[in-house]
Amino acid sequence: MLRVDVERGRPQAILALPSSAGRTLQPAGALYPEALTKGASPADGGADELVLDWPGGYAASVALALAGGGIDPWGYDLSRLAREALDRCADPWLIPALEAARRLLALEFRIDAYKEPKRMRVNLPEPGPWVPESPFEGAAESSIAGGWVAAVPEGLWRFLSPDEELLLSVDAEGRAAFVRR
């Protein structure tokens, strides 16, 4: 268990950045005090807990992007934004936190921007296995013919294996190019 002391009563975005072989992945997180849960009774030694999760990581990332632009993020219902995004698509990171913040600030944000996109099956290089950066995406699958296959929408994607990083670009027709690092 990890303990973090926060200033009581002051809203804060908390992130936990997991890493694999030194490569940072999408964060887990929470919005404080909104995500605070009451612990067991004080007589039992229970303390309040802030449980970090993946939707909270997206909400906290948007909050930090807004704050980084000099905007008070607490005027937005960011927990609801994360919940609505998950209800509409498998992965809220399809709209990166910085882009969601930009749209909110420009009054261009629409919750229906979160929709499940068309996915294309793309062959990934050996050896694998490949795991996507986002915790909301499914891992690449081993194909019958050998190799690894991922179902991804158009865009730029990052996958990790135990020893490598793979940047994958997919166009609207499903053509893919990748760079291994």
N, C-alpha and C. Protein backbone atom coordinates (compact mmCIF):
# COMPACT_ATOMS: atom_id res chain seq x y z
N MET A 1 0.84 -1.17 0.00
CA MET A 1 0.00 0.00 0.00
C MET A 1 0.89 1.24 0.00
N LEU A 2 0.48 2.24 -0.75
CA LEU A 2 1.20 3.49 -0.84
C LEU A 2 0.41 4.56 -0.11
N ARG A 3 1.09 5.36 0.65
CA ARG A 3 0.42 6.44 1.39
C ARG A 3 0.88 7.77 0.83
N VAL A 4 -0.10 8.64 0.55
CA VAL A 4 0.17 9.99 0.06
C VAL A 4 -0.57 10.96 0.96
N ASP A 5 0.13 11.93 1.47
CA ASP A 5 -0.52 12.96 2.27
C ASP A 5 -0.90 14.12 1.36
N VAL A 6 -2.16 14.55 1.47
CA VAL A 6 -2.64 15.66 0.66
C VAL A 6 -3.18 16.74 1.58
N GLU A 7 -3.21 17.96 1.09
CA GLU A 7 -3.76 19.07 1.87
C GLU A 7 -5.27 18.90 1.95
N ARG A 8 -5.78 18.70 3.14
CA ARG A 8 -7.20 18.44 3.35
C ARG A 8 -8.05 19.61 2.86
N GLY A 9 -9.12 19.24 2.12
CA GLY A 9 -10.10 20.22 1.67
C GLY A 9 -9.75 20.94 0.39
N ARG A 10 -8.52 20.87 -0.06
CA ARG A 10 -8.11 21.54 -1.30
C ARG A 10 -8.22 20.54 -2.45
N PRO A 11 -9.08 20.79 -3.45
CA PRO A 11 -9.20 19.85 -4.57
C PRO A 11 -7.86 19.64 -5.27
N GLN A 12 -7.60 18.38 -5.59
CA GLN A 12 -6.33 18.03 -6.22
C GLN A 12 -6.53 16.86 -7.17
N ALA A 13 -5.73 16.85 -8.22
CA ALA A 13 -5.69 15.72 -9.15
C ALA A 13 -4.48 14.88 -8.78
N ILE A 14 -4.70 13.61 -8.52
CA ILE A 14 -3.64 12.69 -8.10
C ILE A 14 -3.42 11.68 -9.21
N LEU A 15 -2.17 11.52 -9.64
CA LEU A 15 -1.83 10.54 -10.67
C LEU A 15 -0.79 9.56 -10.15
N ALA A 16 -0.90 8.33 -10.63
CA ALA A 16 0.12 7.31 -10.40
C ALA A 16 0.55 6.83 -11.78
N LEU A 17 1.81 7.03 -12.09
CA LEU A 17 2.32 6.69 -13.42
C LEU A 17 3.02 5.34 -13.39
N PRO A 18 2.32 4.30 -13.85
CA PRO A 18 2.99 2.99 -13.89
C PRO A 18 4.06 2.99 -14.97
N SER A 19 5.03 2.12 -14.81
CA SER A 19 6.07 2.01 -15.83
C SER A 19 6.42 0.54 -16.04
N SER A 20 6.92 0.29 -17.23
CA SER A 20 7.39 -1.05 -17.59
C SER A 20 8.76 -0.89 -18.21
N ALA A 21 9.74 -1.47 -17.59
CA ALA A 21 11.12 -1.38 -18.05
C ALA A 21 11.52 0.08 -18.28
N GLY A 22 11.09 0.97 -17.37
CA GLY A 22 11.45 2.37 -17.46
C GLY A 22 10.60 3.20 -18.41
N ARG A 23 9.59 2.59 -19.03
CA ARG A 23 8.72 3.32 -19.96
C ARG A 23 7.39 3.61 -19.27
N THR A 24 7.03 4.88 -19.20
CA THR A 24 5.80 5.29 -18.52
C THR A 24 4.58 4.94 -19.35
N LEU A 25 3.54 4.47 -18.66
CA LEU A 25 2.27 4.10 -19.29
C LEU A 25 1.20 5.12 -18.91
N GLN A 26 0.00 4.96 -19.43
CA GLN A 26 -1.10 5.85 -19.08
C GLN A 26 -1.37 5.71 -17.57
N PRO A 27 -1.74 6.81 -16.92
CA PRO A 27 -1.82 6.81 -15.46
C PRO A 27 -3.13 6.29 -14.89
N ALA A 28 -3.04 5.80 -13.68
CA ALA A 28 -4.20 5.63 -12.81
C ALA A 28 -4.30 6.93 -12.02
N GLY A 29 -5.41 7.17 -11.38
CA GLY A 29 -5.50 8.40 -10.61
C GLY A 29 -6.85 8.58 -9.96
N ALA A 30 -7.04 9.78 -9.41
CA ALA A 30 -8.28 10.13 -8.74
C ALA A 30 -8.34 11.63 -8.57
N LEU A 31 -9.55 12.12 -8.39
CA LEU A 31 -9.77 13.52 -8.05
C LEU A 31 -10.08 13.59 -6.56
N TYR A 32 -9.29 14.38 -5.82
CA TYR A 32 -9.48 14.55 -4.40
C TYR A 32 -10.20 15.87 -4.17
N PRO A 33 -11.19 15.95 -3.34
CA PRO A 33 -11.68 14.95 -2.40
C PRO A 33 -12.82 14.10 -2.95
N GLU A 34 -13.21 14.32 -4.19
CA GLU A 34 -14.38 13.63 -4.75
C GLU A 34 -14.30 12.12 -4.64
N ALA A 35 -13.14 11.53 -4.89
CA ALA A 35 -13.01 10.07 -4.89
C ALA A 35 -12.64 9.50 -3.51
N LEU A 36 -12.67 10.34 -2.49
CA LEU A 36 -12.32 9.90 -1.14
C LEU A 36 -13.42 9.02 -0.58
N THR A 37 -13.03 7.89 -0.02
CA THR A 37 -13.99 7.00 0.62
C THR A 37 -13.68 6.97 2.12
N LYS A 38 -14.72 6.88 2.91
CA LYS A 38 -14.56 6.84 4.36
C LYS A 38 -14.02 5.47 4.77
N GLY A 39 -13.03 5.49 5.63
CA GLY A 39 -12.47 4.26 6.13
C GLY A 39 -13.31 3.70 7.26
N ALA A 40 -12.79 2.67 7.88
CA ALA A 40 -13.46 2.07 9.04
C ALA A 40 -13.48 3.11 10.17
N SER A 41 -14.18 2.80 11.21
CA SER A 41 -14.29 3.75 12.32
C SER A 41 -12.92 4.05 12.90
N PRO A 42 -12.72 5.27 13.42
CA PRO A 42 -11.43 5.63 14.02
C PRO A 42 -11.01 4.67 15.13
N ALA A 43 -11.99 4.11 15.82
CA ALA A 43 -11.67 3.16 16.89
C ALA A 43 -10.97 1.92 16.32
N ASP A 44 -11.29 1.59 15.07
CA ASP A 44 -10.65 0.45 14.41
C ASP A 44 -9.35 0.83 13.71
N GLY A 45 -8.96 2.11 13.80
CA GLY A 45 -7.73 2.55 13.16
C GLY A 45 -7.90 2.83 11.68
N GLY A 46 -9.13 2.87 11.20
CA GLY A 46 -9.37 3.08 9.78
C GLY A 46 -9.18 4.53 9.38
N ALA A 47 -8.64 4.73 8.22
CA ALA A 47 -8.44 6.08 7.69
C ALA A 47 -9.21 6.20 6.38
N ASP A 48 -9.50 7.43 6.00
CA ASP A 48 -10.12 7.66 4.70
C ASP A 48 -9.14 7.19 3.62
N GLU A 49 -9.70 6.74 2.51
CA GLU A 49 -8.86 6.24 1.42
C GLU A 49 -9.23 6.92 0.11
N LEU A 50 -8.23 7.15 -0.68
CA LEU A 50 -8.41 7.66 -2.03
C LEU A 50 -7.98 6.52 -2.95
N VAL A 51 -8.94 5.89 -3.59
CA VAL A 51 -8.64 4.74 -4.44
C VAL A 51 -8.38 5.24 -5.86
N LEU A 52 -7.21 4.91 -6.36
CA LEU A 52 -6.84 5.29 -7.72
C LEU A 52 -7.32 4.22 -8.69
N ASP A 53 -7.86 4.66 -9.82
CA ASP A 53 -8.27 3.71 -10.86
C ASP A 53 -8.00 4.33 -12.23
N TRP A 54 -8.25 3.56 -13.29
CA TRP A 54 -7.93 4.03 -14.64
C TRP A 54 -8.84 5.15 -15.11
N PRO A 55 -10.17 5.10 -14.88
CA PRO A 55 -10.99 6.25 -15.25
C PRO A 55 -10.58 7.51 -14.48
N GLY A 56 -10.22 7.33 -13.21
CA GLY A 56 -9.74 8.47 -12.42
C GLY A 56 -8.45 9.04 -12.96
N GLY A 57 -7.62 8.18 -13.55
CA GLY A 57 -6.38 8.65 -14.18
C GLY A 57 -6.65 9.56 -15.37
N TYR A 58 -7.69 9.21 -16.13
CA TYR A 58 -8.05 10.06 -17.27
C TYR A 58 -8.60 11.40 -16.76
N ALA A 59 -9.52 11.36 -15.79
CA ALA A 59 -10.11 12.58 -15.24
C ALA A 59 -9.03 13.48 -14.62
N ALA A 60 -8.12 12.89 -13.87
CA ALA A 60 -7.04 13.67 -13.25
C ALA A 60 -6.10 14.24 -14.30
N SER A 61 -5.86 13.52 -15.37
CA SER A 61 -5.01 14.02 -16.45
C SER A 61 -5.64 15.23 -17.13
N VAL A 62 -6.95 15.18 -17.35
CA VAL A 62 -7.65 16.34 -17.94
C VAL A 62 -7.58 17.51 -16.96
N ALA A 63 -7.77 17.25 -15.67
CA ALA A 63 -7.69 18.32 -14.67
C ALA A 63 -6.32 18.98 -14.68
N LEU A 64 -5.27 18.18 -14.75
CA LEU A 64 -3.91 18.73 -14.76
C LEU A 64 -3.62 19.48 -16.05
N ALA A 65 -4.20 19.03 -17.18
CA ALA A 65 -4.03 19.75 -18.44
C ALA A 65 -4.70 21.12 -18.36
N LEU A 66 -5.89 21.17 -17.78
CA LEU A 66 -6.58 22.45 -17.60
C LEU A 66 -5.78 23.36 -16.68
N ALA A 67 -5.33 22.83 -15.54
CA ALA A 67 -4.56 23.62 -14.58
C ALA A 67 -3.26 24.12 -15.22
N GLY A 68 -2.65 23.29 -16.05
CA GLY A 68 -1.42 23.69 -16.74
C GLY A 68 -1.64 24.86 -17.68
N GLY A 69 -2.87 25.03 -18.13
CA GLY A 69 -3.22 26.17 -18.98
C GLY A 69 -3.71 27.36 -18.19
N GLY A 70 -3.61 27.30 -16.85
CA GLY A 70 -4.01 28.41 -16.02
C GLY A 70 -5.51 28.46 -15.74
N ILE A 71 -6.23 27.36 -16.01
CA ILE A 71 -7.67 27.30 -15.81
C ILE A 71 -7.98 26.46 -14.58
N ASP A 72 -8.93 26.91 -13.78
CA ASP A 72 -9.36 26.14 -12.61
C ASP A 72 -10.17 24.93 -13.08
N PRO A 73 -9.65 23.72 -12.93
CA PRO A 73 -10.35 22.53 -13.44
C PRO A 73 -11.59 22.15 -12.63
N TRP A 74 -11.74 22.72 -11.43
CA TRP A 74 -12.81 22.26 -10.55
C TRP A 74 -14.17 22.85 -10.92
N GLY A 75 -14.22 23.66 -11.95
CA GLY A 75 -15.48 24.14 -12.48
C GLY A 75 -16.09 23.16 -13.47
N TYR A 76 -15.38 22.08 -13.75
CA TYR A 76 -15.84 21.06 -14.69
C TYR A 76 -16.10 19.76 -13.93
N ASP A 77 -17.10 19.02 -14.35
CA ASP A 77 -17.40 17.73 -13.74
C ASP A 77 -16.58 16.67 -14.47
N LEU A 78 -15.32 16.56 -14.10
CA LEU A 78 -14.38 15.69 -14.82
C LEU A 78 -14.62 14.21 -14.52
N SER A 79 -15.13 13.88 -13.35
CA SER A 79 -15.47 12.48 -13.07
C SER A 79 -16.60 12.03 -13.99
N ARG A 80 -17.57 12.91 -14.18
CA ARG A 80 -18.66 12.58 -15.09
C ARG A 80 -18.14 12.45 -16.52
N LEU A 81 -17.23 13.34 -16.91
CA LEU A 81 -16.63 13.26 -18.24
C LEU A 81 -16.02 11.87 -18.45
N ALA A 82 -15.25 11.38 -17.49
CA ALA A 82 -14.62 10.07 -17.61
C ALA A 82 -15.66 8.96 -17.67
N ARG A 83 -16.69 9.04 -16.82
CA ARG A 83 -17.76 8.01 -16.84
C ARG A 83 -18.48 8.00 -18.18
N GLU A 84 -18.86 9.18 -18.67
CA GLU A 84 -19.58 9.28 -19.95
C GLU A 84 -18.71 8.78 -21.09
N ALA A 85 -17.42 9.10 -21.06
CA ALA A 85 -16.51 8.63 -22.10
C ALA A 85 -16.48 7.10 -22.13
N LEU A 86 -16.39 6.49 -20.95
CA LEU A 86 -16.35 5.02 -20.89
C LEU A 86 -17.68 4.40 -21.32
N ASP A 87 -18.79 5.08 -21.06
CA ASP A 87 -20.08 4.57 -21.50
C ASP A 87 -20.22 4.59 -23.02
N ARG A 88 -19.49 5.49 -23.68
CA ARG A 88 -19.63 5.68 -25.12
C ARG A 88 -18.57 4.96 -25.94
N CYS A 89 -17.42 4.68 -25.34
CA CYS A 89 -16.35 4.00 -26.09
C CYS A 89 -15.51 3.19 -25.12
N ALA A 90 -14.72 2.31 -25.67
CA ALA A 90 -13.91 1.44 -24.83
C ALA A 90 -12.74 2.18 -24.17
N ASP A 91 -12.29 3.26 -24.78
CA ASP A 91 -11.05 3.89 -24.33
C ASP A 91 -11.15 5.41 -24.38
N PRO A 92 -11.27 6.09 -23.22
CA PRO A 92 -11.35 7.55 -23.25
C PRO A 92 -10.09 8.20 -23.80
N TRP A 93 -8.95 7.48 -23.75
CA TRP A 93 -7.70 8.04 -24.26
C TRP A 93 -7.71 8.21 -25.77
N LEU A 94 -8.80 7.79 -26.44
CA LEU A 94 -8.93 8.07 -27.88
C LEU A 94 -8.94 9.58 -28.10
N ILE A 95 -9.38 10.33 -27.10
CA ILE A 95 -9.23 11.79 -27.09
C ILE A 95 -8.25 12.08 -25.95
N PRO A 96 -7.00 12.37 -26.28
CA PRO A 96 -6.01 12.60 -25.23
C PRO A 96 -6.44 13.72 -24.27
N ALA A 97 -5.96 13.65 -23.05
CA ALA A 97 -6.35 14.59 -22.01
C ALA A 97 -6.10 16.04 -22.43
N LEU A 98 -4.99 16.30 -23.07
CA LEU A 98 -4.68 17.66 -23.50
C LEU A 98 -5.69 18.15 -24.54
N GLU A 99 -6.11 17.28 -25.43
CA GLU A 99 -7.10 17.65 -26.44
C GLU A 99 -8.47 17.85 -25.80
N ALA A 100 -8.85 17.02 -24.84
CA ALA A 100 -10.12 17.20 -24.13
C ALA A 100 -10.11 18.55 -23.42
N ALA A 101 -9.00 18.89 -22.77
CA ALA A 101 -8.89 20.19 -22.09
C ALA A 101 -8.98 21.34 -23.09
N ARG A 102 -8.32 21.21 -24.22
CA ARG A 102 -8.38 22.26 -25.25
C ARG A 102 -9.81 22.49 -25.72
N ARG A 103 -10.52 21.39 -25.96
CA ARG A 103 -11.92 21.50 -26.41
C ARG A 103 -12.81 22.12 -25.34
N LEU A 104 -12.59 21.76 -24.08
CA LEU A 104 -13.36 22.36 -22.99
C LEU A 104 -13.14 23.87 -22.94
N LEU A 105 -11.89 24.28 -23.04
CA LEU A 105 -11.55 25.70 -22.97
C LEU A 105 -12.09 26.48 -24.16
N ALA A 106 -12.10 25.87 -25.33
CA ALA A 106 -12.57 26.54 -26.55
C ALA A 106 -14.08 26.44 -26.71
N LEU A 107 -14.74 25.83 -25.72
CA LEU A 107 -16.19 25.60 -25.77
C LEU A 107 -16.58 24.78 -27.00
N GLU A 108 -15.69 23.88 -27.40
CA GLU A 108 -15.92 22.99 -28.54
C GLU A 108 -16.15 21.55 -28.10
N PHE A 109 -16.20 21.33 -26.79
CA PHE A 109 -16.30 19.96 -26.29
C PHE A 109 -17.72 19.44 -26.43
N ARG A 110 -17.82 18.24 -26.96
CA ARG A 110 -19.10 17.53 -27.04
C ARG A 110 -18.85 16.11 -26.57
N ILE A 111 -19.69 15.63 -25.65
CA ILE A 111 -19.50 14.29 -25.10
C ILE A 111 -19.65 13.24 -26.18
N ASP A 112 -20.40 13.54 -27.24
CA ASP A 112 -20.55 12.53 -28.30
C ASP A 112 -19.29 12.39 -29.14
N ALA A 113 -18.25 13.16 -28.84
CA ALA A 113 -16.95 12.95 -29.50
C ALA A 113 -16.36 11.60 -29.08
N TYR A 114 -16.78 11.12 -27.91
CA TYR A 114 -16.34 9.81 -27.44
C TYR A 114 -17.27 8.78 -28.07
N LYS A 115 -16.81 8.13 -29.07
CA LYS A 115 -17.59 7.07 -29.70
C LYS A 115 -16.63 5.97 -30.12
N GLU A 116 -17.16 4.77 -30.14
CA GLU A 116 -16.32 3.63 -30.50
C GLU A 116 -15.97 3.74 -31.98
N PRO A 117 -14.68 3.84 -32.29
CA PRO A 117 -14.27 3.99 -33.68
C PRO A 117 -14.21 2.66 -34.42
N LYS A 118 -14.13 2.76 -35.72
CA LYS A 118 -13.89 1.58 -36.56
C LYS A 118 -12.48 1.08 -36.24
N ARG A 119 -12.38 -0.21 -35.99
CA ARG A 119 -11.08 -0.80 -35.68
C ARG A 119 -10.62 -1.68 -36.82
N MET A 120 -9.32 -1.65 -37.03
CA MET A 120 -8.71 -2.46 -38.09
C MET A 120 -7.72 -3.44 -37.47
N ARG A 121 -7.69 -4.62 -38.01
CA ARG A 121 -6.75 -5.63 -37.53
C ARG A 121 -5.40 -5.40 -38.21
N VAL A 122 -4.38 -5.26 -37.38
CA VAL A 122 -3.04 -4.94 -37.86
C VAL A 122 -2.06 -5.98 -37.33
N ASN A 123 -1.21 -6.48 -38.22
CA ASN A 123 -0.17 -7.42 -37.82
C ASN A 123 0.98 -6.66 -37.17
N LEU A 124 1.39 -7.12 -36.01
CA LEU A 124 2.52 -6.53 -35.30
C LEU A 124 3.73 -7.45 -35.46
N PRO A 125 4.92 -6.88 -35.36
CA PRO A 125 6.12 -7.69 -35.57
C PRO A 125 6.38 -8.66 -34.42
N GLU A 126 7.13 -9.69 -34.72
CA GLU A 126 7.60 -10.62 -33.70
C GLU A 126 8.73 -9.95 -32.92
N PRO A 127 9.07 -10.32 -31.71
CA PRO A 127 8.60 -11.50 -31.04
C PRO A 127 7.35 -11.27 -30.20
N GLY A 128 7.07 -10.08 -29.68
CA GLY A 128 5.92 -9.91 -28.80
C GLY A 128 6.16 -10.59 -27.47
N PRO A 129 5.14 -10.78 -26.66
CA PRO A 129 3.78 -10.28 -26.84
C PRO A 129 3.74 -8.76 -26.70
N TRP A 130 2.74 -8.12 -27.33
CA TRP A 130 2.59 -6.67 -27.31
C TRP A 130 1.38 -6.28 -26.47
N VAL A 131 1.59 -5.30 -25.60
CA VAL A 131 0.53 -4.79 -24.74
C VAL A 131 0.38 -3.30 -25.04
N PRO A 132 -0.87 -2.82 -25.21
CA PRO A 132 -1.05 -1.40 -25.51
C PRO A 132 -0.76 -0.51 -24.30
N GLU A 133 -0.39 0.72 -24.59
CA GLU A 133 -0.11 1.70 -23.53
C GLU A 133 -1.34 1.98 -22.68
N SER A 134 -2.51 2.06 -23.31
CA SER A 134 -3.74 2.39 -22.58
C SER A 134 -4.28 1.16 -21.86
N PRO A 135 -4.67 1.30 -20.60
CA PRO A 135 -5.23 0.16 -19.87
C PRO A 135 -6.62 -0.23 -20.35
N PHE A 136 -7.24 0.59 -21.20
CA PHE A 136 -8.59 0.31 -21.70
C PHE A 136 -8.58 -0.50 -22.98
N GLU A 137 -7.44 -0.61 -23.63
CA GLU A 137 -7.34 -1.34 -24.89
C GLU A 137 -6.98 -2.80 -24.61
N GLY A 138 -7.44 -3.69 -25.47
CA GLY A 138 -7.09 -5.09 -25.34
C GLY A 138 -5.69 -5.37 -25.85
N ALA A 139 -5.04 -6.35 -25.27
CA ALA A 139 -3.70 -6.72 -25.71
C ALA A 139 -3.76 -7.34 -27.10
N ALA A 140 -2.65 -7.25 -27.80
CA ALA A 140 -2.55 -7.90 -29.11
C ALA A 140 -2.69 -9.41 -28.90
N GLU A 141 -3.31 -10.06 -29.88
CA GLU A 141 -3.55 -11.49 -29.79
C GLU A 141 -2.58 -12.24 -30.68
N SER A 142 -2.25 -13.44 -30.26
CA SER A 142 -1.43 -14.31 -31.09
C SER A 142 -2.31 -14.84 -32.22
N SER A 143 -1.81 -14.77 -33.45
CA SER A 143 -2.62 -15.23 -34.59
C SER A 143 -2.33 -16.70 -34.88
N ILE A 144 -3.25 -17.33 -35.58
CA ILE A 144 -3.10 -18.74 -35.94
C ILE A 144 -1.88 -18.93 -36.83
N ALA A 145 -1.65 -17.97 -37.73
CA ALA A 145 -0.52 -18.05 -38.65
C ALA A 145 0.79 -17.66 -38.00
N GLY A 146 0.76 -17.29 -36.76
CA GLY A 146 1.96 -16.83 -36.07
C GLY A 146 1.98 -15.31 -36.04
N GLY A 147 2.72 -14.76 -35.13
CA GLY A 147 2.77 -13.31 -35.00
C GLY A 147 1.68 -12.79 -34.10
N TRP A 148 1.55 -11.49 -34.06
CA TRP A 148 0.61 -10.81 -33.18
C TRP A 148 -0.28 -9.89 -33.97
N VAL A 149 -1.56 -9.81 -33.57
CA VAL A 149 -2.54 -8.99 -34.26
C VAL A 149 -3.23 -8.09 -33.23
N ALA A 150 -3.34 -6.80 -33.56
CA ALA A 150 -4.04 -5.84 -32.70
C ALA A 150 -5.20 -5.24 -33.48
N ALA A 151 -6.28 -4.97 -32.80
CA ALA A 151 -7.43 -4.29 -33.40
C ALA A 151 -7.41 -2.84 -32.91
N VAL A 152 -7.03 -1.92 -33.79
CA VAL A 152 -6.86 -0.52 -33.41
C VAL A 152 -7.57 0.41 -34.39
N PRO A 153 -7.99 1.58 -33.92
CA PRO A 153 -8.55 2.58 -34.83
C PRO A 153 -7.42 3.34 -35.54
N GLU A 154 -7.82 4.16 -36.48
CA GLU A 154 -6.88 5.04 -37.16
C GLU A 154 -6.18 5.90 -36.12
N GLY A 155 -4.89 6.14 -36.31
CA GLY A 155 -4.15 7.01 -35.40
C GLY A 155 -2.79 6.45 -35.06
N LEU A 156 -2.20 7.02 -34.03
CA LEU A 156 -0.87 6.61 -33.57
C LEU A 156 -1.03 5.87 -32.25
N TRP A 157 -0.45 4.68 -32.15
CA TRP A 157 -0.60 3.82 -30.98
C TRP A 157 0.76 3.39 -30.47
N ARG A 158 0.83 3.16 -29.19
CA ARG A 158 2.07 2.72 -28.55
C ARG A 158 1.82 1.38 -27.88
N PHE A 159 2.68 0.42 -28.19
CA PHE A 159 2.63 -0.91 -27.59
C PHE A 159 3.98 -1.20 -26.93
N LEU A 160 3.93 -2.06 -25.90
CA LEU A 160 5.15 -2.46 -25.21
C LEU A 160 5.25 -3.97 -25.17
N SER A 161 6.46 -4.45 -25.27
CA SER A 161 6.75 -5.87 -25.02
C SER A 161 7.73 -5.89 -23.85
N PRO A 162 8.12 -7.05 -23.39
CA PRO A 162 9.07 -7.06 -22.27
C PRO A 162 10.38 -6.34 -22.59
N ASP A 163 10.76 -6.29 -23.88
CA ASP A 163 12.07 -5.73 -24.22
C ASP A 163 12.03 -4.52 -25.14
N GLU A 164 10.87 -4.21 -25.72
CA GLU A 164 10.82 -3.16 -26.73
C GLU A 164 9.58 -2.29 -26.61
N GLU A 165 9.63 -1.20 -27.33
CA GLU A 165 8.50 -0.29 -27.49
C GLU A 165 8.19 -0.23 -28.99
N LEU A 166 6.92 -0.19 -29.32
CA LEU A 166 6.49 -0.16 -30.72
C LEU A 166 5.55 1.01 -30.91
N LEU A 167 5.87 1.91 -31.84
CA LEU A 167 4.98 2.99 -32.23
C LEU A 167 4.34 2.57 -33.53
N LEU A 168 3.02 2.55 -33.54
CA LEU A 168 2.24 2.04 -34.67
C LEU A 168 1.36 3.15 -35.21
N SER A 169 1.46 3.41 -36.49
CA SER A 169 0.60 4.40 -37.15
C SER A 169 -0.32 3.65 -38.11
N VAL A 170 -1.63 3.93 -38.00
CA VAL A 170 -2.63 3.27 -38.85
C VAL A 170 -3.44 4.35 -39.55
N ASP A 171 -3.55 4.24 -40.89
CA ASP A 171 -4.36 5.23 -41.62
C ASP A 171 -5.80 4.74 -41.76
N ALA A 172 -6.64 5.54 -42.39
CA ALA A 172 -8.08 5.25 -42.49
C ALA A 172 -8.37 3.97 -43.26
N GLU A 173 -7.47 3.56 -44.13
CA GLU A 173 -7.66 2.32 -44.90
C GLU A 173 -7.07 1.10 -44.20
N GLY A 174 -6.47 1.29 -43.05
CA GLY A 174 -5.91 0.18 -42.30
C GLY A 174 -4.45 -0.11 -42.63
N ARG A 175 -3.83 0.73 -43.44
CA ARG A 175 -2.40 0.55 -43.72
C ARG A 175 -1.62 0.97 -42.48
N ALA A 176 -0.63 0.16 -42.16
CA ALA A 176 0.11 0.39 -40.92
C ALA A 176 1.60 0.54 -41.18
N ALA A 177 2.21 1.36 -40.38
CA ALA A 177 3.66 1.50 -40.35
C ALA A 177 4.06 1.53 -38.88
N PHE A 178 5.23 1.01 -38.58
CA PHE A 178 5.65 1.00 -37.19
C PHE A 178 7.12 1.28 -37.06
N VAL A 179 7.48 1.73 -35.87
CA VAL A 179 8.86 1.96 -35.50
C VAL A 179 9.09 1.24 -34.18
N ARG A 180 10.14 0.46 -34.12
CA ARG A 180 10.51 -0.24 -32.89
C ARG A 180 11.60 0.55 -32.19
N ARG A 181 11.48 0.60 -30.85
CA ARG A 181 12.52 1.29 -30.08
C ARG A 181 12.94 0.41 -28.94
